[in-house]
Amino acid sequence: MHKHGTAFFEFLALRKKVFVDQLGWDIPHDDDVEMDQYDNPQAYYSLVLQDGKVVGGGRAMATTARWGSHTYMLRDAIEGKIIGIPASVVPEAFVTANIWECTRLVVSPEIKDLATSARCLELIVEGLVEQAVAQKATDLMSLSPPSLIRTLRKFGYSPSMIGEPYVNAEDGRRYVVLSMPVGGQQTQASPKSRLSSGANRAPAQTQQSQIASRH
């Protein structure tokens, strides 16, 4: 925060613009930003800037994360702590330092060029993968539109679905839990295997990248 506070709050403002103003999600926000219980010291961030302005970002944390009564989003959904995400979204609550959850992945709607938008998304994912791997993670998972599978494969990753799709009542879109190995081969701790408990507490970090401009 002391290094990238301005960028962090620009990311929260972008999230509010997209998830609240455009998609109509009923999530914590005010007139300027969207911020929830998972924006805590357990979280890591990957932000992309263009001409000094945040145009995309994402958040990640280990599935061992805990902050007060909350853990990570999908586990809290399974335990009935989140309205709108069915408890059956994944077959079990994964708890291992090897598996990280990615949330709030967003690219600015102001980017109209498809190639630049794709590059922004690729940089966000690269930042999340880099930070997770640095903390010994082997897999990332996220609750995302099924179409993200095809996009991630174009980036060179190998994502797969680990749950059944459902339709979000707030925006009418389909979502499913995706998983993909990072930084090497999948291990016995992958989301498709029986998982053991682990612990990995890490302070909040920010990864900033620059979009390659076409102009």
C-alpha atoms as a PDB file:
ATOM      1  CA  MET A   1       0.000   0.000   0.000  1.00  0.00           C
ATOM      2  CA  HIS A   2       2.778   2.442   0.810  1.00  0.00           C
ATOM      3  CA  LYS A   3       4.273   1.814  -2.640  1.00  0.00           C
ATOM      4  CA  HIS A   4       1.178   1.422  -4.789  1.00  0.00           C
ATOM      5  CA  GLY A   5      -1.701   2.926  -2.822  1.00  0.00           C
ATOM      6  CA  THR A   6      -2.963   5.093  -5.679  1.00  0.00           C
ATOM      7  CA  ALA A   7      -2.973   2.163  -8.096  1.00  0.00           C
ATOM      8  CA  PHE A   8      -4.701  -0.037  -5.526  1.00  0.00           C
ATOM      9  CA  PHE A   9      -7.577   2.400  -5.106  1.00  0.00           C
ATOM     10  CA  GLU A  10      -7.821   2.833  -8.885  1.00  0.00           C
ATOM     11  CA  PHE A  11      -8.263  -0.942  -9.050  1.00  0.00           C
ATOM     12  CA  LEU A  12     -11.054  -0.769  -6.454  1.00  0.00           C
ATOM     13  CA  ALA A  13     -12.704   2.005  -8.476  1.00  0.00           C
ATOM     14  CA  LEU A  14     -12.475  -0.069 -11.675  1.00  0.00           C
ATOM     15  CA  ARG A  15     -14.074  -3.000  -9.857  1.00  0.00           C
ATOM     16  CA  LYS A  16     -16.934  -0.771  -8.726  1.00  0.00           C
ATOM     17  CA  LYS A  17     -17.482   0.504 -12.261  1.00  0.00           C
ATOM     18  CA  VAL A  18     -17.621  -2.985 -13.766  1.00  0.00           C
ATOM     19  CA  PHE A  19     -19.047  -5.295 -11.098  1.00  0.00           C
ATOM     20  CA  VAL A  20     -21.470  -2.875  -9.417  1.00  0.00           C
ATOM     21  CA  ASP A  21     -22.399  -0.250 -12.020  1.00  0.00           C
ATOM     22  CA  GLN A  22     -22.395  -2.479 -15.114  1.00  0.00           C
ATOM     23  CA  LEU A  23     -23.130  -5.993 -13.852  1.00  0.00           C
ATOM     24  CA  GLY A  24     -25.300  -5.008 -10.893  1.00  0.00           C
ATOM     25  CA  TRP A  25     -23.633  -7.218  -8.293  1.00  0.00           C
ATOM     26  CA  ASP A  26     -24.841  -6.719  -4.724  1.00  0.00           C
ATOM     27  CA  ILE A  27     -21.421  -6.452  -3.098  1.00  0.00           C
ATOM     28  CA  PRO A  28     -19.889  -3.968  -0.597  1.00  0.00           C
ATOM     29  CA  HIS A  29     -19.193  -0.568  -2.173  1.00  0.00           C
ATOM     30  CA  ASP A  30     -19.653   3.166  -1.861  1.00  0.00           C
ATOM     31  CA  ASP A  31     -19.913   5.863  -4.518  1.00  0.00           C
ATOM     32  CA  ASP A  32     -16.286   5.424  -5.544  1.00  0.00           C
ATOM     33  CA  VAL A  33     -14.928   1.945  -4.887  1.00  0.00           C
ATOM     34  CA  GLU A  34     -15.833  -1.714  -4.372  1.00  0.00           C
ATOM     35  CA  MET A  35     -14.024  -3.477  -1.546  1.00  0.00           C
ATOM     36  CA  ASP A  36     -14.871  -6.644   0.357  1.00  0.00           C
ATOM     37  CA  GLN A  37     -13.671  -8.892   3.177  1.00  0.00           C
ATOM     38  CA  TYR A  38     -11.064 -10.545   0.946  1.00  0.00           C
ATOM     39  CA  ASP A  39      -9.147  -7.312   0.432  1.00  0.00           C
ATOM     40  CA  ASN A  40      -7.050  -8.043   3.495  1.00  0.00           C
ATOM     41  CA  PRO A  41      -3.343  -8.669   4.270  1.00  0.00           C
ATOM     42  CA  GLN A  42      -3.683 -12.259   2.997  1.00  0.00           C
ATOM     43  CA  ALA A  43      -4.321 -11.035  -0.553  1.00  0.00           C
ATOM     44  CA  TYR A  44      -1.931 -10.507  -3.447  1.00  0.00           C
ATOM     45  CA  TYR A  45      -2.713  -8.312  -6.454  1.00  0.00           C
ATOM     46  CA  SER A  46      -1.677  -8.063 -10.087  1.00  0.00           C
ATOM     47  CA  LEU A  47      -2.419  -4.676 -11.649  1.00  0.00           C
ATOM     48  CA  VAL A  48      -1.855  -3.526 -15.215  1.00  0.00           C
ATOM     49  CA  LEU A  49      -1.236   0.146 -15.999  1.00  0.00           C
ATOM     50  CA  GLN A  50      -1.379   1.993 -19.300  1.00  0.00           C
ATOM     51  CA  ASP A  51      -0.052   5.542 -19.402  1.00  0.00           C
ATOM     52  CA  GLY A  52       0.016   5.551 -15.600  1.00  0.00           C
ATOM     53  CA  LYS A  53      -3.640   4.495 -15.229  1.00  0.00           C
ATOM     54  CA  VAL A  54      -4.893   1.144 -13.938  1.00  0.00           C
ATOM     55  CA  VAL A  55      -6.731  -0.639 -16.748  1.00  0.00           C
ATOM     56  CA  GLY A  56      -6.976  -4.118 -15.290  1.00  0.00           C
ATOM     57  CA  GLY A  57      -6.233  -6.269 -12.308  1.00  0.00           C
ATOM     58  CA  GLY A  58      -6.919  -9.367 -10.271  1.00  0.00           C
ATOM     59  CA  ARG A  59      -6.595 -10.704  -6.740  1.00  0.00           C
ATOM     60  CA  ALA A  60      -5.308 -14.009  -5.376  1.00  0.00           C
ATOM     61  CA  MET A  61      -4.829 -15.710  -2.029  1.00  0.00           C
ATOM     62  CA  ALA A  62      -3.947 -19.145  -0.730  1.00  0.00           C
ATOM     63  CA  THR A  63      -6.780 -21.494   0.167  1.00  0.00           C
ATOM     64  CA  THR A  64      -5.312 -21.573   3.673  1.00  0.00           C
ATOM     65  CA  ALA A  65      -6.072 -17.851   4.104  1.00  0.00           C
ATOM     66  CA  ARG A  66      -8.202 -16.741   7.033  1.00  0.00           C
ATOM     67  CA  TRP A  67      -9.238 -13.251   8.126  1.00  0.00           C
ATOM     68  CA  GLY A  68     -11.581 -13.136  11.076  1.00  0.00           C
ATOM     69  CA  SER A  69     -14.541 -15.410  10.337  1.00  0.00           C
ATOM     70  CA  HIS A  70     -13.760 -15.492   6.603  1.00  0.00           C
ATOM     71  CA  THR A  71     -11.441 -17.786   4.666  1.00  0.00           C
ATOM     72  CA  TYR A  72     -11.448 -17.527   0.858  1.00  0.00           C
ATOM     73  CA  MET A  73     -14.457 -16.868  -1.360  1.00  0.00           C
ATOM     74  CA  LEU A  74     -15.282 -20.367  -2.625  1.00  0.00           C
ATOM     75  CA  ARG A  75     -14.837 -21.972   0.786  1.00  0.00           C
ATOM     76  CA  ASP A  76     -17.078 -19.328   2.338  1.00  0.00           C
ATOM     77  CA  ALA A  77     -19.644 -20.005  -0.402  1.00  0.00           C
ATOM     78  CA  ILE A  78     -19.614 -23.727   0.434  1.00  0.00           C
ATOM     79  CA  GLU A  79     -20.160 -22.838   4.094  1.00  0.00           C
ATOM     80  CA  GLY A  80     -23.132 -20.633   3.190  1.00  0.00           C
ATOM     81  CA  LYS A  81     -21.488 -17.319   4.042  1.00  0.00           C
ATOM     82  CA  ILE A  82     -21.977 -15.763   0.592  1.00  0.00           C
ATOM     83  CA  ILE A  83     -25.352 -15.097  -1.002  1.00  0.00           C
ATOM     84  CA  GLY A  84     -25.623 -15.864  -4.709  1.00  0.00           C
ATOM     85  CA  ILE A  85     -22.925 -18.547  -5.064  1.00  0.00           C
ATOM     86  CA  PRO A  86     -24.366 -22.062  -4.654  1.00  0.00           C
ATOM     87  CA  ALA A  87     -22.767 -24.257  -1.996  1.00  0.00           C
ATOM     88  CA  SER A  88     -22.428 -26.986  -4.634  1.00  0.00           C
ATOM     89  CA  VAL A  89     -20.153 -24.850  -6.817  1.00  0.00           C
ATOM     90  CA  VAL A  90     -17.172 -27.118  -6.023  1.00  0.00           C
ATOM     91  CA  PRO A  91     -17.176 -30.668  -4.620  1.00  0.00           C
ATOM     92  CA  GLU A  92     -15.106 -29.785  -1.548  1.00  0.00           C
ATOM     93  CA  ALA A  93     -13.425 -26.904   0.241  1.00  0.00           C
ATOM     94  CA  PHE A  94      -9.784 -27.124  -0.772  1.00  0.00           C
ATOM     95  CA  VAL A  95      -7.402 -26.108   2.031  1.00  0.00           C
ATOM     96  CA  THR A  96      -3.740 -26.292   1.063  1.00  0.00           C
ATOM     97  CA  ALA A  97      -0.960 -23.786   0.563  1.00  0.00           C
ATOM     98  CA  ASN A  98      -0.404 -25.285  -2.912  1.00  0.00           C
ATOM     99  CA  ILE A  99      -3.754 -24.077  -4.258  1.00  0.00           C
ATOM    100  CA  TRP A 100      -4.589 -20.410  -4.649  1.00  0.00           C
ATOM    101  CA  GLU A 101      -7.888 -18.764  -5.536  1.00  0.00           C
ATOM    102  CA  CYS A 102      -8.101 -15.866  -8.006  1.00  0.00           C
ATOM    103  CA  THR A 103     -10.962 -13.354  -7.759  1.00  0.00           C
ATOM    104  CA  ARG A 104     -12.055  -9.938  -9.039  1.00  0.00           C
ATOM    105  CA  LEU A 105     -10.354 -10.385 -12.430  1.00  0.00           C
ATOM    106  CA  VAL A 106     -11.265  -7.333 -14.491  1.00  0.00           C
ATOM    107  CA  VAL A 107     -10.197  -5.469 -17.631  1.00  0.00           C
ATOM    108  CA  SER A 108     -11.303  -1.874 -18.192  1.00  0.00           C
ATOM    109  CA  PRO A 109     -14.226  -1.491 -20.624  1.00  0.00           C
ATOM    110  CA  GLU A 110     -12.484   1.633 -21.866  1.00  0.00           C
ATOM    111  CA  ILE A 111     -10.055  -0.593 -23.775  1.00  0.00           C
ATOM    112  CA  LYS A 112     -11.846  -1.035 -27.088  1.00  0.00           C
ATOM    113  CA  ASP A 113      -9.087  -2.734 -29.043  1.00  0.00           C
ATOM    114  CA  LEU A 114      -9.472  -6.512 -28.682  1.00  0.00           C
ATOM    115  CA  ALA A 115      -5.760  -7.235 -29.001  1.00  0.00           C
ATOM    116  CA  THR A 116      -4.889  -4.722 -26.272  1.00  0.00           C
ATOM    117  CA  SER A 117      -7.652  -6.052 -24.040  1.00  0.00           C
ATOM    118  CA  ALA A 118      -6.333  -9.597 -24.469  1.00  0.00           C
ATOM    119  CA  ARG A 119      -2.796  -8.437 -23.701  1.00  0.00           C
ATOM    120  CA  CYS A 120      -4.055  -6.720 -20.545  1.00  0.00           C
ATOM    121  CA  LEU A 121      -5.725  -9.929 -19.384  1.00  0.00           C
ATOM    122  CA  GLU A 122      -2.592 -11.926 -20.170  1.00  0.00           C
ATOM    123  CA  LEU A 123      -0.460  -9.580 -18.072  1.00  0.00           C
ATOM    124  CA  ILE A 124      -2.887  -9.812 -15.151  1.00  0.00           C
ATOM    125  CA  VAL A 125      -2.739 -13.605 -15.225  1.00  0.00           C
ATOM    126  CA  GLU A 126       1.060 -13.565 -15.555  1.00  0.00           C
ATOM    127  CA  GLY A 127       1.313 -11.408 -12.428  1.00  0.00           C
ATOM    128  CA  LEU A 128      -1.019 -13.653 -10.420  1.00  0.00           C
ATOM    129  CA  VAL A 129       0.833 -16.777 -11.534  1.00  0.00           C
ATOM    130  CA  GLU A 130       4.226 -15.229 -10.749  1.00  0.00           C
ATOM    131  CA  GLN A 131       3.248 -14.303  -7.221  1.00  0.00           C
ATOM    132  CA  ALA A 132       1.497 -17.595  -6.478  1.00  0.00           C
ATOM    133  CA  VAL A 133       4.438 -19.633  -7.757  1.00  0.00           C
ATOM    134  CA  ALA A 134       6.820 -17.528  -5.648  1.00  0.00           C
ATOM    135  CA  GLN A 135       4.813 -18.721  -2.627  1.00  0.00           C
ATOM    136  CA  LYS A 136       5.140 -22.386  -3.736  1.00  0.00           C
ATOM    137  CA  ALA A 137       1.676 -22.694  -5.286  1.00  0.00           C
ATOM    138  CA  THR A 138       1.117 -25.408  -7.887  1.00  0.00           C
ATOM    139  CA  ASP A 139      -2.454 -24.597  -8.967  1.00  0.00           C
ATOM    140  CA  LEU A 140      -4.762 -21.607  -9.364  1.00  0.00           C
ATOM    141  CA  MET A 141      -8.541 -21.762  -9.380  1.00  0.00           C
ATOM    142  CA  SER A 142     -11.237 -19.187  -9.980  1.00  0.00           C
ATOM    143  CA  LEU A 143     -14.973 -18.759 -10.383  1.00  0.00           C
ATOM    144  CA  SER A 144     -15.151 -17.427 -13.940  1.00  0.00           C
ATOM    145  CA  PRO A 145     -17.162 -17.466 -17.173  1.00  0.00           C
ATOM    146  CA  PRO A 146     -16.562 -20.792 -18.994  1.00  0.00           C
ATOM    147  CA  SER A 147     -15.246 -18.820 -21.988  1.00  0.00           C
ATOM    148  CA  LEU A 148     -12.123 -17.998 -19.969  1.00  0.00           C
ATOM    149  CA  ILE A 149     -10.957 -21.573 -20.532  1.00  0.00           C
ATOM    150  CA  ARG A 150     -10.420 -20.926 -24.231  1.00  0.00           C
ATOM    151  CA  THR A 151      -8.665 -17.620 -23.552  1.00  0.00           C
ATOM    152  CA  LEU A 152      -6.289 -19.118 -20.992  1.00  0.00           C
ATOM    153  CA  ARG A 153      -5.391 -21.902 -23.397  1.00  0.00           C
ATOM    154  CA  LYS A 154      -4.444 -19.286 -25.977  1.00  0.00           C
ATOM    155  CA  PHE A 155      -2.081 -17.849 -23.357  1.00  0.00           C
ATOM    156  CA  GLY A 156      -0.413 -21.249 -23.007  1.00  0.00           C
ATOM    157  CA  TYR A 157      -2.085 -22.503 -19.817  1.00  0.00           C
ATOM    158  CA  SER A 158      -4.047 -25.737 -19.309  1.00  0.00           C
ATOM    159  CA  PRO A 159      -7.252 -24.859 -17.432  1.00  0.00           C
ATOM    160  CA  SER A 160     -10.125 -27.254 -16.788  1.00  0.00           C
ATOM    161  CA  MET A 161     -13.526 -27.164 -15.066  1.00  0.00           C
ATOM    162  CA  ILE A 162     -13.774 -28.696 -11.591  1.00  0.00           C
ATOM    163  CA  GLY A 163     -17.439 -27.925 -10.955  1.00  0.00           C
ATOM    164  CA  GLU A 164     -20.771 -27.512 -12.695  1.00  0.00           C
ATOM    165  CA  PRO A 165     -21.702 -24.179 -14.317  1.00  0.00           C
ATOM    166  CA  TYR A 166     -24.485 -22.085 -12.802  1.00  0.00           C
ATOM    167  CA  VAL A 167     -26.241 -18.847 -13.777  1.00  0.00           C
ATOM    168  CA  ASN A 168     -25.671 -15.794 -11.595  1.00  0.00           C
ATOM    169  CA  ALA A 169     -29.063 -14.296 -10.719  1.00  0.00           C
ATOM    170  CA  GLU A 170     -27.643 -10.752 -10.608  1.00  0.00           C
ATOM    171  CA  ASP A 171     -26.079 -10.506 -14.071  1.00  0.00           C
ATOM    172  CA  GLY A 172     -27.600 -13.504 -15.862  1.00  0.00           C
ATOM    173  CA  ARG A 173     -24.183 -14.890 -16.804  1.00  0.00           C
ATOM    174  CA  ARG A 174     -22.873 -18.437 -16.511  1.00  0.00           C
ATOM    175  CA  TYR A 175     -19.963 -19.121 -14.154  1.00  0.00           C
ATOM    176  CA  VAL A 176     -17.960 -22.223 -13.294  1.00  0.00           C
ATOM    177  CA  VAL A 177     -14.931 -23.012 -11.133  1.00  0.00           C
ATOM    178  CA  LEU A 178     -11.784 -23.354 -13.211  1.00  0.00           C
ATOM    179  CA  SER A 179      -8.451 -24.841 -12.184  1.00  0.00           C
ATOM    180  CA  MET A 180      -5.068 -24.736 -13.873  1.00  0.00           C
ATOM    181  CA  PRO A 181      -1.572 -25.911 -12.943  1.00  0.00           C
ATOM    182  CA  VAL A 182       1.148 -23.267 -12.703  1.00  0.00           C
ATOM    183  CA  GLY A 183       4.914 -23.398 -12.421  1.00  0.00           C
ATOM    184  CA  GLY A 184       5.331 -27.046 -13.344  1.00  0.00           C
ATOM    185  CA  GLN A 185       3.469 -30.323 -13.117  1.00  0.00           C
ATOM    186  CA  GLN A 186       0.335 -30.818 -11.041  1.00  0.00           C
ATOM    187  CA  THR A 187       0.945 -32.559  -7.746  1.00  0.00           C
ATOM    188  CA  GLN A 188      -1.222 -34.679  -5.470  1.00  0.00           C
ATOM    189  CA  ALA A 189      -2.437 -31.406  -4.021  1.00  0.00           C
ATOM    190  CA  SER A 190      -4.150 -30.329  -7.245  1.00  0.00           C
ATOM    191  CA  PRO A 191      -7.883 -29.503  -7.040  1.00  0.00           C
ATOM    192  CA  LYS A 192      -8.661 -32.772  -8.815  1.00  0.00           C
ATOM    193  CA  SER A 193      -7.068 -34.800  -6.016  1.00  0.00           C
ATOM    194  CA  ARG A 194      -7.781 -35.293  -2.325  1.00  0.00           C
ATOM    195  CA  LEU A 195      -6.174 -32.359  -0.523  1.00  0.00           C
ATOM    196  CA  SER A 196      -4.288 -32.048   2.727  1.00  0.00           C
ATOM    197  CA  SER A 197      -4.284 -28.991   4.978  1.00  0.00           C
ATOM    198  CA  GLY A 198      -1.465 -26.472   4.845  1.00  0.00           C
ATOM    199  CA  ALA A 199      -0.595 -22.983   6.006  1.00  0.00           C
ATOM    200  CA  ASN A 200       0.779 -20.064   4.094  1.00  0.00           C
ATOM    201  CA  ARG A 201       0.223 -16.553   5.368  1.00  0.00           C
ATOM    202  CA  ALA A 202       1.581 -13.784   3.194  1.00  0.00           C
ATOM    203  CA  PRO A 203       1.367  -9.987   3.267  1.00  0.00           C
ATOM    204  CA  ALA A 204      -0.472  -8.085   0.571  1.00  0.00           C
ATOM    205  CA  GLN A 205       1.619  -7.418  -2.510  1.00  0.00           C
ATOM    206  CA  THR A 206       1.096  -5.581  -5.797  1.00  0.00           C
ATOM    207  CA  GLN A 207       2.445  -6.568  -9.202  1.00  0.00           C
ATOM    208  CA  GLN A 208       2.399  -3.766 -11.775  1.00  0.00           C
ATOM    209  CA  SER A 209       2.944  -4.292 -15.507  1.00  0.00           C
ATOM    210  CA  GLN A 210       2.733  -2.038 -18.527  1.00  0.00           C
ATOM    211  CA  ILE A 211       0.566  -2.806 -21.528  1.00  0.00           C
ATOM    212  CA  ALA A 212       2.504  -2.739 -24.783  1.00  0.00           C
ATOM    213  CA  SER A 213       0.901   0.174 -26.598  1.00  0.00           C
ATOM    214  CA  ARG A 214       0.128  -0.033 -30.293  1.00  0.00           C
ATOM    215  CA  HIS A 215       0.374   3.758 -30.690  1.00  0.00           C
END
